[in-house]
Amino acid sequence: MKRFTAIFIILLFFTSLTYASRTLPWTELGFSPSKATETAQKYRLLPTTDEQTDADAVPLYQKAIQSLPQDYQPKQFSDWRSLPPDQLPVEQVESALNKLKPTLDLLTQATKSKQCNWPFIKPEQAQQQLMDDLSKYRQFAFILDVQTKLQIAQGRYDQARETLKTSLTMAKHLGDAPTLIQEMVGISIAALNQSRIEQWIQSDAPNLFWALADLPQPLVNITKAIKIETDNLKNYNILIRGQFEKQLKPAHDKVRKQMNHVDRKVAALQCIEALRLFAGSHDGKFPQMLSDVTEVKIPVDPVTKKSFSYKSTGSEAVLELLEATEGSEDRDAVRYELKLK
């Protein structure tokens, strides 16, 4: 009983941590119109089959953990993440990233592996696993996030796309893990990357519509771990099993909402990229209605299957997607206030 209580507390802690990493429900984005180029249509944010190797990602992730320098300072990267892109201390950031090159190379190799065979973690080991390895994956995400921020700020878009690819693939790999705690870290990492894609959109970078459309739904799939946890409860008698299920249900529900929120944000960002494309071929103006966009297919809410709420004044627009499920909160809404430069 104690071990499941400990796991329950850990789950609730990480659900709150994932929410804390989000931006406010409304986000202001100012950007320039964009053209549909042949290069942009070939962009992908996950490795293609041609890029993948026959290796197993997990041993490579372990090597990356072991390769972290002893003088590595996580707080430094955490502080840099909170700075606006134009305020980054470029020389310091580049120096720190150069020291971490062996680790970053191993992460790239891991995320280009065809296999990711996570070992099964016993419930009584989950807390120790969380304190050790999983904290390192969050540190990897922060390092990659700072690197992407710098690359976009410097206009190195091909390199930024590759870094995004590494981070998103790591998030997806964690989503394939057998424990919900690992998958929650994957969701948190995916949410970090969405903030960086917002920076991409506000730069002069190529359009990511096709790359976002290519991402799977759900991006980080938690259903596997929930099924494993639920199946494990069958080893207990009906009374104890009922207590465990009652304890775990609030955490499971919250993580499902977080999984859905990530996919809804992907759809919203894809919709914004479609608006950029429209403006690029219509005198730098937003469409009056989303149905006016014919260049590409506008996505819908992947949860409710309904269209986004959209209003436009020509050079400004509001794109909104309110949470339409039971137990919704303000932070579950998706709202973008858009302006054309």
Protein backbone atom coordinates (compact mmCIF):
# COMPACT_ATOMS: atom_id res chain seq x y z
CA MET A 1 0.00 0.00 0.00
CA LYS A 2 2.81 2.40 0.90
CA ARG A 3 4.57 1.98 -2.42
CA PHE A 4 1.42 2.91 -4.38
CA THR A 5 0.85 5.90 -2.11
CA ALA A 6 4.40 7.08 -2.86
CA ILE A 7 3.85 6.64 -6.60
CA PHE A 8 0.56 8.54 -6.38
CA ILE A 9 2.29 11.51 -4.69
CA ILE A 10 5.04 11.47 -7.34
CA LEU A 11 2.45 11.43 -10.14
CA LEU A 12 0.60 14.43 -8.71
CA PHE A 13 3.90 16.28 -8.27
CA PHE A 14 4.85 15.78 -11.91
CA THR A 15 1.40 16.73 -13.20
CA SER A 16 1.74 20.06 -11.39
CA LEU A 17 5.30 20.41 -12.71
CA THR A 18 4.10 19.91 -16.28
CA TYR A 19 1.39 22.53 -15.83
CA ALA A 20 3.94 24.92 -14.32
CA SER A 21 6.06 24.66 -17.47
CA ARG A 22 3.24 25.96 -19.66
CA THR A 23 2.74 29.46 -20.86
CA LEU A 24 -0.39 31.43 -19.97
CA PRO A 25 -3.62 30.37 -21.73
CA TRP A 26 -3.28 33.36 -24.06
CA THR A 27 -0.14 33.99 -26.11
CA GLU A 28 0.70 36.96 -28.30
CA LEU A 29 2.55 36.14 -31.52
CA GLY A 30 3.78 38.68 -34.05
CA PHE A 31 5.10 37.26 -37.30
CA SER A 32 5.71 37.88 -40.99
CA PRO A 33 3.81 36.25 -43.88
CA SER A 34 5.37 33.08 -45.25
CA LYS A 35 5.54 31.42 -48.66
CA ALA A 36 5.06 27.71 -49.35
CA THR A 37 8.55 26.62 -50.42
CA GLU A 38 9.63 23.19 -51.60
CA THR A 39 12.19 23.01 -48.78
CA ALA A 40 9.61 23.76 -46.09
CA GLN A 41 7.33 21.03 -47.41
CA LYS A 42 10.12 18.50 -46.87
CA TYR A 43 10.79 19.52 -43.25
CA ARG A 44 10.12 16.90 -40.57
CA LEU A 45 10.30 17.13 -36.77
CA LEU A 46 10.88 13.41 -36.21
CA PRO A 47 13.60 11.28 -37.87
CA THR A 48 12.67 9.74 -41.20
CA THR A 49 13.27 6.05 -41.93
CA ASP A 50 16.36 6.95 -43.95
CA GLU A 51 17.86 8.76 -40.94
CA GLN A 52 17.32 5.92 -38.49
CA THR A 53 19.90 3.31 -37.47
CA ASP A 54 19.42 -0.23 -36.14
CA ALA A 55 20.65 0.75 -32.68
CA ASP A 56 18.69 0.70 -29.40
CA ALA A 57 18.17 4.18 -27.97
CA VAL A 58 18.15 3.26 -24.26
CA PRO A 59 21.88 2.32 -23.93
CA LEU A 60 22.77 5.51 -25.80
CA TYR A 61 20.64 7.59 -23.42
CA GLN A 62 22.46 5.92 -20.52
CA LYS A 63 25.82 6.80 -22.08
CA ALA A 64 24.62 10.40 -22.48
CA ILE A 65 23.74 10.50 -18.77
CA GLN A 66 27.19 9.19 -17.87
CA SER A 67 28.88 11.67 -20.20
CA LEU A 68 27.56 14.78 -18.41
CA PRO A 69 30.62 16.73 -17.17
CA GLN A 70 31.12 16.97 -13.42
CA ASP A 71 31.16 20.77 -13.64
CA TYR A 72 27.87 20.89 -15.56
CA GLN A 73 25.57 23.50 -13.99
CA PRO A 74 21.85 22.76 -14.55
CA LYS A 75 20.76 26.05 -12.97
CA GLN A 76 22.72 27.97 -15.58
CA PHE A 77 20.66 26.45 -18.38
CA SER A 78 17.46 26.91 -16.40
CA ASP A 79 18.26 30.62 -16.06
CA TRP A 80 19.04 30.95 -19.78
CA ARG A 81 15.72 29.33 -20.67
CA SER A 82 13.88 32.18 -18.93
CA LEU A 83 15.72 34.93 -20.83
CA PRO A 84 14.34 36.51 -24.02
CA PRO A 85 16.32 35.24 -27.05
CA ASP A 86 17.97 38.63 -27.66
CA GLN A 87 19.28 38.72 -24.08
CA LEU A 88 21.15 35.42 -24.16
CA PRO A 89 24.87 35.73 -23.25
CA VAL A 90 25.91 34.20 -26.55
CA GLU A 91 29.58 33.50 -25.77
CA GLN A 92 28.76 31.88 -22.43
CA VAL A 93 26.00 29.75 -23.94
CA GLU A 94 28.16 28.61 -26.85
CA SER A 95 31.02 27.75 -24.48
CA ALA A 96 28.72 25.69 -22.26
CA LEU A 97 27.20 23.90 -25.26
CA ASN A 98 30.67 23.07 -26.65
CA LYS A 99 31.56 21.36 -23.37
CA LEU A 100 28.40 19.30 -23.70
CA LYS A 101 29.02 18.26 -27.32
CA PRO A 102 29.76 14.58 -26.49
CA THR A 103 26.48 14.40 -24.58
CA LEU A 104 24.53 16.12 -27.36
CA ASP A 105 26.04 13.79 -29.98
CA LEU A 106 24.92 10.75 -27.96
CA LEU A 107 21.41 12.18 -27.66
CA THR A 108 21.28 12.66 -31.43
CA GLN A 109 22.38 9.05 -31.95
CA ALA A 110 19.79 7.82 -29.46
CA THR A 111 16.92 9.67 -31.10
CA LYS A 112 17.85 8.28 -34.52
CA SER A 113 17.63 4.68 -33.29
CA LYS A 114 14.86 2.46 -34.66
CA GLN A 115 14.39 0.76 -31.30
CA CYS A 116 13.84 2.07 -27.78
CA ASN A 117 13.63 -0.92 -25.45
CA TRP A 118 12.96 0.46 -22.00
CA PRO A 119 13.52 -2.01 -19.16
CA PHE A 120 10.54 -2.71 -16.95
CA ILE A 121 10.72 -0.76 -13.68
CA LYS A 122 9.18 -2.36 -10.59
CA PRO A 123 6.83 -0.08 -8.64
CA GLU A 124 9.12 -0.05 -5.60
CA GLN A 125 11.98 1.18 -7.81
CA ALA A 126 9.96 3.96 -9.45
CA GLN A 127 10.81 6.66 -6.92
CA GLN A 128 14.55 5.98 -7.13
CA GLN A 129 14.35 5.87 -10.93
CA LEU A 130 12.58 9.25 -10.87
CA MET A 131 15.24 10.80 -8.63
CA ASP A 132 18.09 9.49 -10.75
CA ASP A 133 17.65 9.00 -14.50
CA LEU A 134 14.45 10.94 -15.14
CA SER A 135 15.84 14.14 -13.69
CA LYS A 136 18.64 13.84 -16.25
CA TYR A 137 16.16 13.66 -19.11
CA ARG A 138 14.65 16.94 -17.96
CA GLN A 139 18.16 18.41 -17.87
CA PHE A 140 18.72 17.17 -21.42
CA ALA A 141 15.48 18.91 -22.43
CA PHE A 142 16.65 22.19 -20.89
CA ILE A 143 20.02 21.96 -22.66
CA LEU A 144 18.35 21.25 -26.01
CA ASP A 145 15.84 24.03 -25.39
CA VAL A 146 18.59 26.62 -24.83
CA GLN A 147 20.47 25.37 -27.90
CA THR A 148 17.33 25.68 -30.04
CA LYS A 149 16.61 29.16 -28.69
CA LEU A 150 20.11 30.32 -29.62
CA GLN A 151 20.03 28.70 -33.07
CA ILE A 152 16.70 30.33 -33.95
CA ALA A 153 17.87 33.71 -32.64
CA GLN A 154 20.96 33.45 -34.87
CA GLY A 155 18.95 32.39 -37.92
CA ARG A 156 20.47 28.90 -38.02
CA TYR A 157 17.14 27.32 -38.82
CA ASP A 158 18.34 23.98 -40.23
CA GLN A 159 20.35 23.38 -37.05
CA ALA A 160 17.42 24.49 -34.87
CA ARG A 161 15.13 22.07 -36.67
CA GLU A 162 17.56 19.21 -35.99
CA THR A 163 17.70 20.13 -32.30
CA LEU A 164 13.90 20.26 -32.14
CA LYS A 165 13.86 16.85 -33.80
CA THR A 166 16.19 15.42 -31.14
CA SER A 167 14.13 16.82 -28.27
CA LEU A 168 10.73 15.83 -29.67
CA THR A 169 11.95 12.31 -30.43
CA MET A 170 13.27 11.97 -26.87
CA ALA A 171 9.83 13.05 -25.62
CA LYS A 172 8.17 10.47 -27.87
CA HIS A 173 10.60 7.76 -26.69
CA LEU A 174 9.69 8.51 -23.08
CA GLY A 175 6.06 8.22 -24.14
CA ASP A 176 6.75 4.63 -25.17
CA ALA A 177 8.14 3.76 -21.71
CA PRO A 178 6.33 1.30 -19.40
CA THR A 179 5.74 3.68 -16.47
CA LEU A 180 3.48 6.70 -16.30
CA ILE A 181 6.17 8.74 -14.55
CA GLN A 182 8.47 8.40 -17.57
CA GLU A 183 5.65 9.35 -19.92
CA MET A 184 4.83 12.42 -17.86
CA VAL A 185 8.40 13.62 -18.30
CA GLY A 186 7.93 13.05 -22.04
CA ILE A 187 4.81 15.23 -22.03
CA SER A 188 6.66 17.97 -20.16
CA ILE A 189 9.50 17.88 -22.71
CA ALA A 190 7.03 18.07 -25.61
CA ALA A 191 5.45 21.14 -24.00
CA LEU A 192 8.86 22.85 -23.82
CA ASN A 193 9.34 22.32 -27.54
CA GLN A 194 6.00 23.93 -28.34
CA SER A 195 7.20 27.15 -26.73
CA ARG A 196 10.29 27.01 -28.92
CA ILE A 197 8.15 26.49 -32.04
CA GLU A 198 6.34 29.71 -31.09
CA GLN A 199 9.74 31.46 -31.21
CA TRP A 200 10.37 29.85 -34.62
CA ILE A 201 7.09 31.20 -35.99
CA GLN A 202 7.94 34.73 -34.85
CA SER A 203 11.29 34.67 -36.67
CA ASP A 204 11.88 34.66 -40.43
CA ALA A 205 12.17 30.85 -40.40
CA PRO A 206 10.60 28.61 -43.08
CA ASN A 207 7.03 27.46 -42.53
CA LEU A 208 6.54 24.37 -40.32
CA PHE A 209 2.97 23.54 -41.41
CA TRP A 210 3.91 20.27 -43.09
CA ALA A 211 6.34 19.26 -40.34
CA LEU A 212 3.64 19.78 -37.67
CA ALA A 213 1.04 17.96 -39.77
CA ASP A 214 3.39 14.97 -39.93
CA LEU A 215 3.57 14.55 -36.13
CA PRO A 216 1.60 11.58 -34.75
CA GLN A 217 -1.47 11.95 -32.54
CA PRO A 218 -1.01 11.57 -29.68
CA LEU A 219 2.57 12.84 -29.80
CA VAL A 220 3.29 11.36 -26.36
CA ASN A 221 0.99 8.38 -25.82
CA ILE A 222 0.34 7.54 -22.16
CA THR A 223 -2.22 4.77 -22.74
CA LYS A 224 0.40 2.00 -22.65
CA ALA A 225 1.65 2.89 -19.17
CA ILE A 226 -1.86 3.38 -17.77
CA LYS A 227 -2.83 -0.08 -19.04
CA ILE A 228 0.27 -1.64 -17.45
CA GLU A 229 -0.45 0.06 -14.12
CA THR A 230 -4.11 -0.99 -14.23
CA ASP A 231 -3.24 -4.58 -15.17
CA ASN A 232 -0.77 -4.78 -12.26
CA LEU A 233 -3.61 -4.07 -9.83
CA LYS A 234 -5.24 -7.39 -10.77
CA ASN A 235 -2.76 -9.11 -8.45
CA TYR A 236 -4.61 -7.65 -5.43
CA ASN A 237 -7.96 -8.62 -3.96
CA ILE A 238 -10.99 -6.62 -5.03
CA LEU A 239 -11.08 -4.34 -1.97
CA ILE A 240 -7.41 -3.32 -2.10
CA ARG A 241 -7.58 -3.02 -5.88
CA GLY A 242 -10.49 -0.62 -5.54
CA GLN A 243 -8.49 1.57 -3.15
CA PHE A 244 -5.52 1.69 -5.52
CA GLU A 245 -7.72 2.52 -8.50
CA LYS A 246 -9.37 5.33 -6.54
CA GLN A 247 -5.93 6.73 -5.64
CA LEU A 248 -4.51 6.57 -9.14
CA LYS A 249 -7.54 7.83 -11.09
CA PRO A 250 -6.99 11.60 -10.36
CA ALA A 251 -3.40 11.37 -11.58
CA HIS A 252 -4.39 9.34 -14.66
CA ASP A 253 -7.09 11.87 -15.55
CA LYS A 254 -4.70 14.82 -15.20
CA VAL A 255 -2.05 13.17 -17.36
CA ARG A 256 -4.63 12.36 -20.05
CA LYS A 257 -5.59 16.04 -20.12
CA GLN A 258 -1.92 17.01 -20.45
CA MET A 259 -1.45 14.53 -23.29
CA ASN A 260 -4.49 16.02 -25.06
CA HIS A 261 -3.30 19.59 -24.39
CA VAL A 262 0.00 18.89 -26.15
CA ASP A 263 -1.84 17.61 -29.23
CA ARG A 264 -4.23 20.56 -29.22
CA LYS A 265 -1.31 22.99 -29.08
CA VAL A 266 0.31 21.20 -32.04
CA ALA A 267 -2.94 21.63 -34.00
CA ALA A 268 -3.11 25.32 -33.02
CA LEU A 269 0.49 25.95 -34.13
CA GLN A 270 -0.20 24.14 -37.39
CA CYS A 271 -3.23 26.37 -37.90
CA ILE A 272 -1.10 29.49 -37.28
CA GLU A 273 1.41 28.30 -39.87
CA ALA A 274 -1.50 27.90 -42.31
CA LEU A 275 -2.45 31.53 -41.60
CA ARG A 276 1.14 32.58 -42.29
CA LEU A 277 0.93 30.81 -45.64
CA PHE A 278 -2.33 32.57 -46.49
CA ALA A 279 -0.88 35.97 -45.61
CA GLY A 280 2.14 35.20 -47.80
CA SER A 281 -0.03 34.95 -50.89
CA HIS A 282 -2.74 37.51 -50.00
CA ASP A 283 -1.01 40.88 -49.62
CA GLY A 284 0.11 40.19 -46.05
CA LYS A 285 -3.41 39.91 -44.60
CA PHE A 286 -5.21 37.32 -42.52
CA PRO A 287 -8.26 35.55 -44.00
CA GLN A 288 -11.67 36.73 -42.85
CA MET A 289 -12.60 33.13 -42.04
CA LEU A 290 -10.56 29.95 -41.66
CA SER A 291 -12.53 28.43 -44.54
CA ASP A 292 -10.90 31.06 -46.82
CA VAL A 293 -7.60 29.19 -46.46
CA THR A 294 -7.35 26.84 -49.44
CA GLU A 295 -3.58 26.49 -49.71
CA VAL A 296 -3.56 23.73 -47.08
CA LYS A 297 -6.07 21.83 -44.95
CA ILE A 298 -6.83 23.59 -41.66
CA PRO A 299 -6.61 21.20 -38.68
CA VAL A 300 -9.38 20.78 -36.11
CA ASP A 301 -9.31 20.12 -32.38
CA PRO A 302 -7.92 16.54 -32.16
CA VAL A 303 -10.00 15.95 -28.99
CA THR A 304 -13.44 17.35 -29.85
CA LYS A 305 -13.00 17.26 -33.65
CA LYS A 306 -14.42 20.80 -33.78
CA SER A 307 -12.96 23.81 -35.58
CA PHE A 308 -10.96 26.56 -33.92
CA SER A 309 -12.71 29.78 -33.00
CA TYR A 310 -11.24 32.49 -35.24
CA LYS A 311 -11.74 36.25 -35.66
CA SER A 312 -9.77 38.60 -37.91
CA THR A 313 -9.45 42.32 -38.59
CA GLY A 314 -7.04 41.91 -41.51
CA SER A 315 -3.68 42.54 -39.82
CA GLU A 316 -4.69 41.04 -36.44
CA ALA A 317 -6.50 37.85 -35.48
CA VAL A 318 -7.49 35.71 -32.51
CA LEU A 319 -7.29 31.92 -32.65
CA GLU A 320 -8.95 30.17 -29.75
CA LEU A 321 -9.71 26.66 -28.61
CA LEU A 322 -11.50 26.33 -25.28
CA GLU A 323 -11.37 23.15 -23.25
CA ALA A 324 -14.63 21.34 -23.90
CA THR A 325 -14.27 18.42 -21.52
CA GLU A 326 -15.43 17.78 -17.98
CA GLY A 327 -13.28 19.33 -15.25
CA SER A 328 -11.71 21.94 -17.54
CA GLU A 329 -9.72 24.88 -16.19
CA ASP A 330 -8.60 28.22 -17.65
CA ARG A 331 -5.08 26.90 -18.20
CA ASP A 332 -6.48 24.14 -20.44
CA ALA A 333 -7.61 26.71 -23.01
CA VAL A 334 -5.58 27.55 -26.10
CA ARG A 335 -5.72 31.20 -27.18
CA TYR A 336 -3.39 33.05 -29.54
CA GLU A 337 -3.56 36.77 -30.27
CA LEU A 338 -1.88 37.14 -33.66
CA LYS A 339 -0.38 40.16 -35.40
CA LEU A 340 1.23 40.43 -38.81
CA LYS A 341 4.47 42.39 -38.92
